[in-house]
Amino acid sequence: MTRTILNCGYVALVDSAPLIIAKELQFALEEGVELNLVRQPSWSALRDMLALGHLDAAQMLSPMPIAMTLGIGSLSAEIDALMVLSANGTAFGVSNKVAAEIGPIPFGHPHTIKRAIAARDADPLRIGLPFHHSMHRLLLSYWISTEPAVEIERIIIPPPRMADAIAEDRIDAFWVGEPWGTVAVERGIAQLLMTGRDVWQFSPEKVLAARRNWILENDADARSLTRAVYRAAQWLDAPENKPLAIEILSRSDHLDLPTELIDPGLTGQLTAVKGAAPIEIDRFLQFHRFAANFPWRSQAAWIADQLGGSKEDVNRAKSSFRSDLYRNNLEGIGVDLPTASEKVEGSLSEETGVASTKGRMILAPDAFFDGRTFDFT
């Protein structure tokens, strides 16, 4: 049987797991496509490869398709998110030097952390970020937008280089996805202070994206790819599959990482300080549960608004989170889907039932740390 070979780009992070599992457990083959996973050294390299047609699809930071579609940045192209690959999964940490300056702080308290950083009698905090158009950067900007004021300098560094940048004193802090926060802690050069979900409890972190014209010309392949990755994400979020998932990710050559660095991201057991007991973080990294894969148009609107987009830009951004294609591509395989494609972001303070195609489904809390909500209508 002839199968289409799809070149799919990714960056070596734990949350690339849905793509790796779709390939290694043959979900992709069962859906009629063969995944050729192409590792990229940085998000800018991945962006260029996708835009120029060297990749068919890619794991992307959730703001990247929107920024590219709106022409924000150095390379523009019409890029659509077929689905969300993961929610949450990032951590904010500081060097041991900064940790000593601000003193002991309870983990996961964004207001307390910001007050302590603002009280430092020092130069602006140099914060490493994986890419300018990233959820890391948007969460950081949102977090520091409230009082007290914090002086910072943003420095773009590929995730695998983040720990080196701390060790070489090129940055004082970082916001990065796993396992690179854990790497810095295990090297004894940094401490974690909070996770991304402490700022926004359920934010879209990575998406499966492709060029709009490729999707139009290869609708059957886009459908097969979406189904395969959806099945992989569903498999990953089953607790009984975690040990095997960690084994598959560590033994394959896609990440080239040992088990002990993959485990914290998948289990939500993060070690904030070297030698300390792990902290269990509920919903640290979500691949499927609570409709994590659904590309909410309201999430795209929030991202575009945070990027400084106009009302026209925000409306245009909504069209790049393809809830319509997501519904069509998963039709007929029994997937429960929300009946709405937009919601008031930040309005859920607890698990909440909403209308779905099967009657009712549960969404996770999605509150912002400052209690604000976002409703772009």
Protein backbone atom coordinates (compact mmCIF):
# COMPACT_ATOMS: atom_id res chain seq x y z
CA MET A 1 0.00 0.00 0.00
CA THR A 2 1.40 3.39 -1.01
CA ARG A 3 1.43 5.96 1.78
CA THR A 4 2.13 9.67 1.64
CA ILE A 5 5.35 10.64 3.38
CA LEU A 6 4.84 13.82 5.40
CA ASN A 7 7.84 15.84 6.53
CA CYS A 8 6.95 17.23 9.93
CA GLY A 9 9.24 19.59 11.84
CA TYR A 10 9.68 19.71 15.60
CA VAL A 11 11.99 21.04 18.31
CA ALA A 12 13.40 18.64 20.91
CA LEU A 13 10.99 19.24 23.76
CA VAL A 14 8.90 16.85 25.85
CA ASP A 15 5.73 18.36 24.40
CA SER A 16 6.66 17.13 20.92
CA ALA A 17 5.52 13.75 22.29
CA PRO A 18 2.25 13.55 20.26
CA LEU A 19 4.23 13.60 17.01
CA ILE A 20 6.76 11.05 18.25
CA ILE A 21 4.06 8.72 19.59
CA ALA A 22 2.03 9.07 16.38
CA LYS A 23 5.07 7.77 14.51
CA GLU A 24 6.47 5.22 16.97
CA LEU A 25 3.12 3.56 17.82
CA GLN A 26 2.13 3.66 14.13
CA PHE A 27 -1.00 5.75 14.55
CA ALA A 28 0.15 7.67 11.48
CA LEU A 29 0.62 4.51 9.42
CA GLU A 30 -2.80 3.27 10.47
CA GLU A 31 -4.26 6.55 9.21
CA GLY A 32 -2.48 6.13 5.87
CA VAL A 33 0.48 8.51 6.19
CA GLU A 34 4.13 8.05 7.06
CA LEU A 35 5.62 10.64 9.39
CA ASN A 36 9.18 11.75 8.73
CA LEU A 37 10.04 13.79 11.81
CA VAL A 38 12.61 16.47 11.02
CA ARG A 39 14.33 17.88 14.09
CA GLN A 40 15.03 21.62 14.01
CA PRO A 41 17.71 23.46 16.02
CA SER A 42 15.54 26.52 16.76
CA TRP A 43 12.07 27.94 16.29
CA SER A 44 13.29 30.40 13.68
CA ALA A 45 14.77 27.56 11.62
CA LEU A 46 11.51 25.61 11.89
CA ARG A 47 9.49 28.69 10.88
CA ASP A 48 11.60 29.23 7.77
CA MET A 49 11.52 25.57 6.75
CA LEU A 50 7.72 25.48 6.96
CA ALA A 51 7.16 28.81 5.23
CA LEU A 52 9.49 27.91 2.35
CA GLY A 53 7.82 24.54 1.78
CA HIS A 54 10.63 22.29 3.02
CA LEU A 55 8.25 20.93 5.67
CA ASP A 56 4.65 19.84 5.15
CA ALA A 57 3.61 20.45 8.76
CA ALA A 58 5.24 21.31 12.06
CA GLN A 59 4.97 21.55 15.80
CA MET A 60 4.78 25.29 16.46
CA LEU A 61 4.57 27.64 19.39
CA SER A 62 0.92 28.68 19.46
CA PRO A 63 1.54 32.37 18.57
CA MET A 64 3.73 31.53 15.54
CA PRO A 65 0.98 30.79 12.98
CA ILE A 66 -0.83 33.96 14.02
CA ALA A 67 2.27 36.16 13.87
CA MET A 68 3.22 34.76 10.46
CA THR A 69 -0.33 35.13 9.10
CA LEU A 70 -0.48 38.73 10.30
CA GLY A 71 2.96 39.51 8.88
CA ILE A 72 4.50 40.21 12.29
CA GLY A 73 8.20 39.42 12.21
CA SER A 74 10.75 38.72 9.52
CA LEU A 75 8.85 36.10 7.52
CA SER A 76 5.15 36.13 6.70
CA ALA A 77 3.00 33.31 5.33
CA GLU A 78 -0.56 32.09 5.74
CA ILE A 79 -0.20 29.40 8.38
CA ASP A 80 -3.08 27.54 10.04
CA ALA A 81 -3.24 25.56 13.28
CA LEU A 82 -4.96 22.24 12.59
CA MET A 83 -5.11 21.41 16.29
CA VAL A 84 -3.50 22.20 19.63
CA LEU A 85 -0.75 19.70 20.51
CA SER A 86 -0.41 20.59 24.18
CA ALA A 87 -1.56 22.97 26.90
CA ASN A 88 0.77 24.38 29.56
CA GLY A 89 4.13 22.66 30.13
CA THR A 90 6.50 25.61 30.68
CA ALA A 91 8.39 26.86 33.73
CA PHE A 92 9.97 30.10 34.93
CA GLY A 93 13.27 29.87 36.76
CA VAL A 94 16.14 32.04 37.92
CA SER A 95 19.87 31.62 38.41
CA ASN A 96 21.14 30.66 41.84
CA LYS A 97 22.52 34.19 42.16
CA VAL A 98 19.11 35.79 41.62
CA ALA A 99 17.47 33.19 43.88
CA ALA A 100 19.85 34.23 46.67
CA GLU A 101 19.07 37.91 46.06
CA ILE A 102 15.30 37.53 46.32
CA GLY A 103 15.33 35.02 49.16
CA PRO A 104 13.09 31.97 49.72
CA ILE A 105 9.75 32.19 47.91
CA PRO A 106 6.92 29.63 47.88
CA PHE A 107 6.68 27.89 44.52
CA GLY A 108 3.91 28.97 42.19
CA HIS A 109 2.97 32.40 43.58
CA PRO A 110 3.24 34.87 40.69
CA HIS A 111 2.36 37.98 42.75
CA THR A 112 4.94 37.17 45.45
CA ILE A 113 7.61 36.31 42.88
CA LYS A 114 7.09 39.58 41.01
CA ARG A 115 7.25 41.68 44.16
CA ALA A 116 10.52 40.00 45.16
CA ILE A 117 12.05 40.55 41.72
CA ALA A 118 10.88 44.18 41.63
CA ALA A 119 12.56 44.79 45.01
CA ARG A 120 15.97 43.72 43.69
CA ASP A 121 18.54 46.52 43.71
CA ALA A 122 20.10 45.41 40.46
CA ASP A 123 20.14 45.84 36.70
CA PRO A 124 17.09 44.76 34.66
CA LEU A 125 16.47 41.02 34.86
CA ARG A 126 17.78 39.34 31.69
CA ILE A 127 15.21 36.68 30.81
CA GLY A 128 15.85 33.95 28.26
CA LEU A 129 12.93 33.09 25.99
CA PRO A 130 12.82 30.46 23.23
CA PHE A 131 11.26 32.75 20.62
CA HIS A 132 9.78 36.22 20.41
CA HIS A 133 6.40 34.93 19.16
CA SER A 134 5.91 32.36 21.89
CA MET A 135 3.42 31.75 24.66
CA HIS A 136 6.39 32.08 27.03
CA ARG A 137 6.88 35.68 25.94
CA LEU A 138 3.16 36.49 26.02
CA LEU A 139 2.72 35.02 29.51
CA LEU A 140 5.79 36.93 30.69
CA SER A 141 4.48 40.21 29.26
CA TYR A 142 1.03 39.61 30.73
CA TRP A 143 2.52 38.74 34.12
CA ILE A 144 4.67 41.87 34.39
CA SER A 145 1.94 44.18 33.03
CA THR A 146 0.49 44.66 36.52
CA GLU A 147 2.07 46.51 39.45
CA PRO A 148 4.72 46.51 40.76
CA ALA A 149 6.78 47.37 37.71
CA VAL A 150 9.62 45.00 36.84
CA GLU A 151 12.48 45.99 34.58
CA ILE A 152 13.46 43.18 32.25
CA GLU A 153 15.50 42.48 29.14
CA ARG A 154 14.27 39.74 26.80
CA ILE A 155 16.93 37.55 25.17
CA ILE A 156 16.03 34.89 22.59
CA ILE A 157 17.81 31.58 23.14
CA PRO A 158 16.97 28.14 21.66
CA PRO A 159 15.59 25.85 24.41
CA PRO A 160 18.53 23.38 24.40
CA ARG A 161 20.91 26.29 25.04
CA MET A 162 19.00 27.81 27.96
CA ALA A 163 20.95 26.09 30.76
CA ASP A 164 24.25 27.00 29.09
CA ALA A 165 23.14 30.64 28.93
CA ILE A 166 22.48 30.62 32.69
CA ALA A 167 25.83 28.94 33.39
CA GLU A 168 27.66 31.48 31.21
CA ASP A 169 25.91 34.42 32.94
CA ARG A 170 24.29 35.60 29.70
CA ILE A 171 20.84 35.53 31.33
CA ASP A 172 19.52 35.78 34.88
CA ALA A 173 16.27 33.91 34.37
CA PHE A 174 14.38 31.87 31.78
CA TRP A 175 10.92 30.79 30.67
CA VAL A 176 11.20 27.48 28.86
CA GLY A 177 9.50 24.17 28.14
CA GLU A 178 10.59 20.85 29.58
CA PRO A 179 13.05 19.29 29.88
CA TRP A 180 15.23 22.38 29.72
CA GLY A 181 14.11 23.86 33.02
CA THR A 182 14.85 20.52 34.69
CA VAL A 183 18.25 20.42 32.96
CA ALA A 184 19.20 23.77 34.53
CA VAL A 185 18.08 22.58 37.97
CA GLU A 186 19.90 19.24 37.68
CA ARG A 187 23.09 21.07 36.70
CA GLY A 188 22.79 22.96 39.98
CA ILE A 189 22.79 26.40 38.35
CA ALA A 190 19.14 27.49 38.64
CA GLN A 191 15.90 27.17 40.56
CA LEU A 192 12.32 27.00 39.27
CA LEU A 193 9.86 29.48 40.78
CA MET A 194 6.59 28.83 38.95
CA THR A 195 5.01 27.30 35.87
CA GLY A 196 3.17 28.88 32.97
CA ARG A 197 -0.14 27.63 34.35
CA ASP A 198 0.39 29.84 37.40
CA VAL A 199 -0.17 32.80 35.06
CA TRP A 200 -2.82 31.27 32.78
CA GLN A 201 -4.17 27.96 34.03
CA PHE A 202 -4.87 26.39 30.64
CA SER A 203 -3.02 28.10 27.82
CA PRO A 204 -2.39 26.60 24.35
CA GLU A 205 1.34 25.96 24.21
CA LYS A 206 2.08 24.11 20.96
CA VAL A 207 0.00 23.58 17.84
CA LEU A 208 0.16 21.35 14.76
CA ALA A 209 0.47 23.82 11.90
CA ALA A 210 0.72 23.82 8.12
CA ARG A 211 0.63 26.29 5.25
CA ARG A 212 -2.91 27.17 4.27
CA ASN A 213 -2.33 26.36 0.61
CA TRP A 214 -0.83 22.96 1.53
CA ILE A 215 -3.94 22.14 3.56
CA LEU A 216 -6.19 23.08 0.63
CA GLU A 217 -4.18 20.98 -1.82
CA ASN A 218 -3.70 18.01 0.55
CA ASP A 219 -6.92 17.86 2.51
CA ALA A 220 -6.89 14.06 2.82
CA ASP A 221 -3.35 14.04 4.20
CA ALA A 222 -4.18 16.88 6.60
CA ARG A 223 -7.16 14.87 7.79
CA SER A 224 -5.08 11.71 8.30
CA LEU A 225 -2.34 13.63 10.09
CA THR A 226 -4.84 15.29 12.44
CA ARG A 227 -6.47 11.97 13.29
CA ALA A 228 -3.14 10.26 13.94
CA VAL A 229 -1.85 13.01 16.22
CA TYR A 230 -5.21 13.24 18.00
CA ARG A 231 -5.02 9.50 18.77
CA ALA A 232 -1.45 9.92 20.03
CA ALA A 233 -2.44 12.83 22.30
CA GLN A 234 -5.35 10.81 23.67
CA TRP A 235 -3.03 7.87 24.34
CA LEU A 236 -0.49 10.09 26.09
CA ASP A 237 -2.99 11.48 28.59
CA ALA A 238 -4.04 8.04 29.84
CA PRO A 239 -2.23 7.63 33.20
CA GLU A 240 -1.54 3.95 32.57
CA ASN A 241 0.45 4.85 29.43
CA LYS A 242 2.88 7.28 31.11
CA PRO A 243 5.63 4.72 31.89
CA LEU A 244 5.62 3.38 28.33
CA ALA A 245 5.51 6.91 26.91
CA ILE A 246 8.60 7.88 28.90
CA GLU A 247 10.37 4.71 27.71
CA ILE A 248 9.48 5.34 24.06
CA LEU A 249 10.58 8.98 24.18
CA SER A 250 13.88 8.15 25.88
CA ARG A 251 14.82 5.18 23.69
CA SER A 252 13.98 6.82 20.37
CA ASP A 253 16.48 9.18 18.74
CA HIS A 254 13.95 12.01 18.32
CA LEU A 255 14.78 13.72 21.63
CA ASP A 256 18.11 12.15 22.56
CA LEU A 257 17.34 12.63 26.25
CA PRO A 258 17.57 10.24 29.23
CA THR A 259 14.52 9.00 31.12
CA GLU A 260 15.17 11.16 34.18
CA LEU A 261 14.88 14.35 32.10
CA ILE A 262 11.71 13.28 30.30
CA ASP A 263 9.86 11.99 33.35
CA PRO A 264 9.15 15.34 35.13
CA GLY A 265 7.40 16.90 32.14
CA LEU A 266 5.15 13.92 31.49
CA THR A 267 4.33 13.18 35.13
CA GLY A 268 4.10 16.78 36.38
CA GLN A 269 6.62 16.00 39.14
CA LEU A 270 8.96 19.00 38.94
CA THR A 271 12.02 19.50 41.10
CA ALA A 272 12.35 23.22 41.78
CA VAL A 273 15.70 23.08 43.60
CA LYS A 274 18.40 20.45 43.10
CA GLY A 275 18.11 17.81 45.81
CA ALA A 276 14.66 18.87 46.97
CA ALA A 277 11.57 16.68 46.82
CA PRO A 278 9.57 16.98 43.58
CA ILE A 279 6.47 19.17 43.52
CA GLU A 280 3.38 17.56 42.01
CA ILE A 281 1.70 20.00 39.62
CA ASP A 282 -1.78 19.16 38.42
CA ARG A 283 -2.26 19.70 34.68
CA PHE A 284 1.37 20.75 34.25
CA LEU A 285 1.36 19.41 30.69
CA GLN A 286 -1.92 18.39 29.09
CA PHE A 287 -2.06 16.62 25.74
CA HIS A 288 -5.72 15.68 25.41
CA ARG A 289 -8.01 15.90 28.46
CA PHE A 290 -10.37 18.85 28.91
CA ALA A 291 -10.54 19.44 25.13
CA ALA A 292 -6.87 20.41 25.16
CA ASN A 293 -6.56 19.70 21.41
CA PHE A 294 -9.42 21.97 20.38
CA PRO A 295 -8.20 25.12 18.55
CA TRP A 296 -10.40 27.72 20.22
CA ARG A 297 -10.80 30.83 18.08
CA SER A 298 -10.94 32.88 21.28
CA GLN A 299 -7.45 31.68 22.19
CA ALA A 300 -6.22 32.92 18.82
CA ALA A 301 -7.93 36.26 19.53
CA TRP A 302 -6.16 36.57 22.90
CA ILE A 303 -2.82 35.82 21.28
CA ALA A 304 -3.34 38.40 18.52
CA ASP A 305 -4.43 40.99 21.08
CA GLN A 306 -1.31 40.34 23.16
CA LEU A 307 0.80 40.69 20.01
CA GLY A 308 -0.61 44.20 19.65
CA GLY A 309 -2.95 43.43 16.77
CA SER A 310 -5.76 45.71 15.67
CA LYS A 311 -9.41 44.66 15.75
CA GLU A 312 -9.05 43.60 12.13
CA ASP A 313 -5.91 41.61 13.00
CA VAL A 314 -7.67 39.85 15.86
CA ASN A 315 -10.55 38.82 13.62
CA ARG A 316 -8.11 37.61 11.00
CA ALA A 317 -6.15 35.67 13.61
CA LYS A 318 -9.26 33.76 14.62
CA SER A 319 -9.39 32.21 11.16
CA SER A 320 -5.93 30.69 11.61
CA PHE A 321 -7.08 28.46 14.50
CA ARG A 322 -9.05 26.01 12.36
CA SER A 323 -11.82 24.75 14.61
CA ASP A 324 -13.80 24.13 11.40
CA LEU A 325 -11.19 21.76 9.98
CA TYR A 326 -10.66 20.13 13.36
CA ARG A 327 -14.37 19.22 13.46
CA ASN A 328 -14.36 17.98 9.86
CA ASN A 329 -11.14 15.98 10.20
CA LEU A 330 -12.34 14.13 13.31
CA GLU A 331 -15.85 13.54 12.04
CA GLY A 332 -17.13 10.00 12.24
CA ILE A 333 -14.71 8.56 14.82
CA GLY A 334 -16.71 9.30 17.95
CA VAL A 335 -14.79 12.34 19.19
CA ASP A 336 -16.67 14.55 21.65
CA LEU A 337 -16.36 18.20 20.63
CA PRO A 338 -17.53 21.46 22.18
CA THR A 339 -20.48 22.92 20.29
CA ALA A 340 -18.99 26.43 20.53
CA SER A 341 -15.77 27.55 18.87
CA GLU A 342 -15.15 30.52 21.16
CA LYS A 343 -15.41 31.13 24.89
CA VAL A 344 -14.61 33.83 27.43
CA GLU A 345 -10.95 33.14 28.17
CA GLY A 346 -10.05 33.12 31.85
CA SER A 347 -13.63 32.72 33.06
CA LEU A 348 -13.38 29.18 34.47
CA SER A 349 -12.19 29.03 38.07
CA GLU A 350 -12.99 25.31 38.40
CA GLU A 351 -13.75 22.31 36.21
CA THR A 352 -16.90 23.23 34.30
CA GLY A 353 -19.36 21.34 32.12
CA VAL A 354 -20.15 22.83 28.70
CA ALA A 355 -22.36 21.76 25.80
CA SER A 356 -20.77 19.22 23.47
CA THR A 357 -21.66 17.03 20.52
CA LYS A 358 -22.26 14.14 22.91
CA GLY A 359 -24.21 16.25 25.39
CA ARG A 360 -21.75 17.64 27.90
CA MET A 361 -17.98 17.74 28.36
CA ILE A 362 -15.69 19.05 31.10
CA LEU A 363 -13.28 21.94 30.60
CA ALA A 364 -10.42 22.62 32.99
CA PRO A 365 -9.98 25.86 34.95
CA ASP A 366 -8.48 28.52 32.69
CA ALA A 367 -8.27 31.54 35.02
CA PHE A 368 -5.60 34.20 34.64
CA PHE A 369 -3.49 34.95 37.72
CA ASP A 370 -4.93 38.46 38.07
CA GLY A 371 -8.58 37.45 37.76
CA ARG A 372 -9.16 39.26 34.46
CA THR A 373 -11.09 37.70 31.59
CA PHE A 374 -10.85 38.16 27.83
CA ASP A 375 -13.94 38.34 25.65
CA PHE A 376 -13.26 39.66 22.15
CA THR A 377 -16.59 39.92 20.36
